[in-house]
C-alpha atoms as a PDB file:
ATOM      1  CA  MET A   1      13.686   3.806  17.071  1.00  0.00           C
ATOM      2  CA  SER A   2      10.450   2.120  16.271  1.00  0.00           C
ATOM      3  CA  VAL A   3       7.499   3.998  14.839  1.00  0.00           C
ATOM      4  CA  SER A   4       3.929   3.019  15.575  1.00  0.00           C
ATOM      5  CA  PRO A   5       2.051   3.101  12.260  1.00  0.00           C
ATOM      6  CA  LEU A   6      -1.217   3.673  14.125  1.00  0.00           C
ATOM      7  CA  GLU A   7       0.169   6.759  15.859  1.00  0.00           C
ATOM      8  CA  VAL A   8       1.248   8.325  12.546  1.00  0.00           C
ATOM      9  CA  GLU A   9      -2.024   7.308  10.873  1.00  0.00           C
ATOM     10  CA  ASP A  10      -4.023   8.921  13.679  1.00  0.00           C
ATOM     11  CA  PHE A  11      -1.982  12.099  13.358  1.00  0.00           C
ATOM     12  CA  LEU A  12      -2.436  12.287   9.574  1.00  0.00           C
ATOM     13  CA  LEU A  13      -6.194  11.950  10.070  1.00  0.00           C
ATOM     14  CA  THR A  14      -6.179  15.258  11.968  1.00  0.00           C
ATOM     15  CA  HIS A  15      -5.509  17.062   8.666  1.00  0.00           C
ATOM     16  CA  ASP A  16      -8.752  18.307   7.089  1.00  0.00           C
ATOM     17  CA  ALA A  17      -7.977  16.895   3.633  1.00  0.00           C
ATOM     18  CA  VAL A  18      -7.223  13.347   4.839  1.00  0.00           C
ATOM     19  CA  GLU A  19     -10.022  10.749   4.808  1.00  0.00           C
ATOM     20  CA  LYS A  20      -7.920   7.627   5.372  1.00  0.00           C
ATOM     21  CA  ALA A  21      -4.267   7.037   6.196  1.00  0.00           C
ATOM     22  CA  VAL A  22      -2.214   3.853   6.227  1.00  0.00           C
ATOM     23  CA  VAL A  23       1.437   3.783   7.236  1.00  0.00           C
ATOM     24  CA  VAL A  24       3.788   0.910   6.444  1.00  0.00           C
ATOM     25  CA  GLY A  25       7.465   0.404   7.198  1.00  0.00           C
ATOM     26  CA  VAL A  26       9.923  -0.352   4.421  1.00  0.00           C
ATOM     27  CA  ALA A  27      13.483  -1.588   4.657  1.00  0.00           C
ATOM     28  CA  ASP A  28      16.148   1.090   4.373  1.00  0.00           C
ATOM     29  CA  PRO A  29      19.890   0.390   4.408  1.00  0.00           C
ATOM     30  CA  LYS A  30      20.593   3.520   6.483  1.00  0.00           C
ATOM     31  CA  ALA A  31      17.729   3.476   8.956  1.00  0.00           C
ATOM     32  CA  ASP A  32      16.560  -0.160   9.277  1.00  0.00           C
ATOM     33  CA  GLN A  33      12.998   0.878   8.322  1.00  0.00           C
ATOM     34  CA  VAL A  34      11.348   4.107   7.255  1.00  0.00           C
ATOM     35  CA  PRO A  35       7.649   5.006   7.327  1.00  0.00           C
ATOM     36  CA  ILE A  36       5.757   5.435   4.059  1.00  0.00           C
ATOM     37  CA  ALA A  37       2.150   6.679   4.153  1.00  0.00           C
ATOM     38  CA  PHE A  38      -0.732   6.068   1.805  1.00  0.00           C
ATOM     39  CA  VAL A  39      -3.351   8.768   2.170  1.00  0.00           C
ATOM     40  CA  ARG A  40      -6.812   8.987   0.688  1.00  0.00           C
ATOM     41  CA  THR A  41      -7.757  12.624   0.287  1.00  0.00           C
ATOM     42  CA  THR A  42     -11.156  14.253   0.102  1.00  0.00           C
ATOM     43  CA  SER A  43     -10.254  15.758  -3.279  1.00  0.00           C
ATOM     44  CA  PRO A  44      -7.174  15.651  -5.528  1.00  0.00           C
ATOM     45  CA  HIS A  45      -6.795  19.408  -5.100  1.00  0.00           C
ATOM     46  CA  ASP A  46      -7.125  19.576  -1.298  1.00  0.00           C
ATOM     47  CA  THR A  47      -3.474  18.927  -0.493  1.00  0.00           C
ATOM     48  CA  ASP A  48      -0.222  17.497  -1.800  1.00  0.00           C
ATOM     49  CA  GLU A  49       2.668  15.415  -0.493  1.00  0.00           C
ATOM     50  CA  ALA A  50       4.851  18.407   0.437  1.00  0.00           C
ATOM     51  CA  THR A  51       2.053  20.030   2.438  1.00  0.00           C
ATOM     52  CA  LEU A  52       1.372  16.845   4.394  1.00  0.00           C
ATOM     53  CA  VAL A  53       5.076  16.225   5.077  1.00  0.00           C
ATOM     54  CA  ALA A  54       5.410  19.815   6.369  1.00  0.00           C
ATOM     55  CA  PHE A  55       2.275  19.302   8.500  1.00  0.00           C
ATOM     56  CA  CYS A  56       3.932  16.239  10.066  1.00  0.00           C
ATOM     57  CA  ARG A  57       7.320  17.927  10.547  1.00  0.00           C
ATOM     58  CA  ASP A  58       5.676  20.741  12.475  1.00  0.00           C
ATOM     59  CA  GLN A  59       3.920  18.427  14.920  1.00  0.00           C
ATOM     60  CA  ILE A  60       5.608  15.025  15.349  1.00  0.00           C
ATOM     61  CA  ALA A  61       9.119  13.733  15.964  1.00  0.00           C
ATOM     62  CA  ALA A  62      11.349  13.706  12.882  1.00  0.00           C
ATOM     63  CA  TYR A  63      11.799   9.919  12.907  1.00  0.00           C
ATOM     64  CA  LYS A  64       8.005   9.490  12.705  1.00  0.00           C
ATOM     65  CA  VAL A  65       7.534  11.723   9.656  1.00  0.00           C
ATOM     66  CA  PRO A  66       6.754   9.565   6.613  1.00  0.00           C
ATOM     67  CA  ARG A  67       9.572   9.668   4.055  1.00  0.00           C
ATOM     68  CA  ARG A  68       6.946   9.582   1.316  1.00  0.00           C
ATOM     69  CA  ILE A  69       3.224  10.246   1.377  1.00  0.00           C
ATOM     70  CA  LEU A  70       1.436   8.693  -1.571  1.00  0.00           C
ATOM     71  CA  LEU A  71      -1.882  10.363  -2.273  1.00  0.00           C
ATOM     72  CA  ARG A  72      -4.947   8.505  -3.486  1.00  0.00           C
ATOM     73  CA  THR A  73      -8.384   9.781  -4.419  1.00  0.00           C
ATOM     74  CA  THR A  74      -9.733   6.248  -4.780  1.00  0.00           C
ATOM     75  CA  ALA A  75     -10.211   3.593  -2.131  1.00  0.00           C
ATOM     76  CA  LEU A  76      -7.157   1.879  -0.719  1.00  0.00           C
ATOM     77  CA  PRO A  77      -6.843  -1.803  -1.715  1.00  0.00           C
ATOM     78  CA  ARG A  78      -8.797  -4.389   0.238  1.00  0.00           C
ATOM     79  CA  THR A  79      -8.624  -8.153   0.506  1.00  0.00           C
ATOM     80  CA  ALA A  80     -11.466 -10.431  -0.567  1.00  0.00           C
ATOM     81  CA  THR A  81     -12.751 -10.300   3.018  1.00  0.00           C
ATOM     82  CA  GLY A  82     -12.783  -6.493   3.038  1.00  0.00           C
ATOM     83  CA  LYS A  83      -9.722  -5.942   5.210  1.00  0.00           C
ATOM     84  CA  LEU A  84      -7.127  -3.374   4.236  1.00  0.00           C
ATOM     85  CA  ALA A  85      -4.494  -5.023   2.009  1.00  0.00           C
ATOM     86  CA  ARG A  86      -1.431  -3.900   3.998  1.00  0.00           C
ATOM     87  CA  THR A  87       0.800  -6.500   2.325  1.00  0.00           C
ATOM     88  CA  SER A  88       0.004  -5.084  -1.089  1.00  0.00           C
ATOM     89  CA  LEU A  89       0.689  -1.540   0.146  1.00  0.00           C
ATOM     90  CA  MET A  90       3.953  -2.665   1.761  1.00  0.00           C
ATOM     91  CA  GLU A  91       5.095  -4.230  -1.501  1.00  0.00           C
ATOM     92  CA  GLU A  92       4.214  -1.076  -3.436  1.00  0.00           C
ATOM     93  CA  ALA A  93       6.013   1.125  -0.905  1.00  0.00           C
ATOM     94  CA  GLN A  94       9.092  -1.115  -0.863  1.00  0.00           C
ATOM     95  CA  ALA A  95       9.348  -1.065  -4.667  1.00  0.00           C
ATOM     96  CA  LEU A  96       8.961   2.706  -4.727  1.00  0.00           C
ATOM     97  CA  TRP A  97      11.573   3.181  -1.999  1.00  0.00           C
ATOM     98  CA  LYS A  98      14.008   0.804  -3.721  1.00  0.00           C
ATOM     99  CA  ASP A  99      13.614   2.704  -7.029  1.00  0.00           C
ATOM    100  CA  ALA A 100      14.177   6.007  -5.219  1.00  0.00           C
ATOM    101  CA  GLU A 101      17.315   4.624  -3.535  1.00  0.00           C
ATOM    102  CA  GLN A 102      18.710   3.517  -6.896  1.00  0.00           C
ATOM    103  CA  ALA A 103      18.002   6.939  -8.381  1.00  0.00           C
ATOM    104  CA  ARG A 104      19.861   8.618  -5.482  1.00  0.00           C
ATOM    105  CA  SER A 105      22.896   6.367  -5.930  1.00  0.00           C
END
């Protein structure tokens, strides 16, 4: 099934501690692609990954729940023209997911 990043981003933004959310898909040998979210929070103490994953599990379909939610308290990366650097985030997410896969093996 395909997941709309915008739909998951919009849902994450309904959480009080989330200022910005970006969801990217990364390759997964078992599921084609899995969603990984980058979330800018209002404060480093407002929430954590487990809380946000549980928030998603309670409200959206299981296949839409991000497999990882990476919290940031600083701005998400931007290109020279000011656009969100999705490619950079995708590369970071893919490397993280690959490392996690190797650790599970």
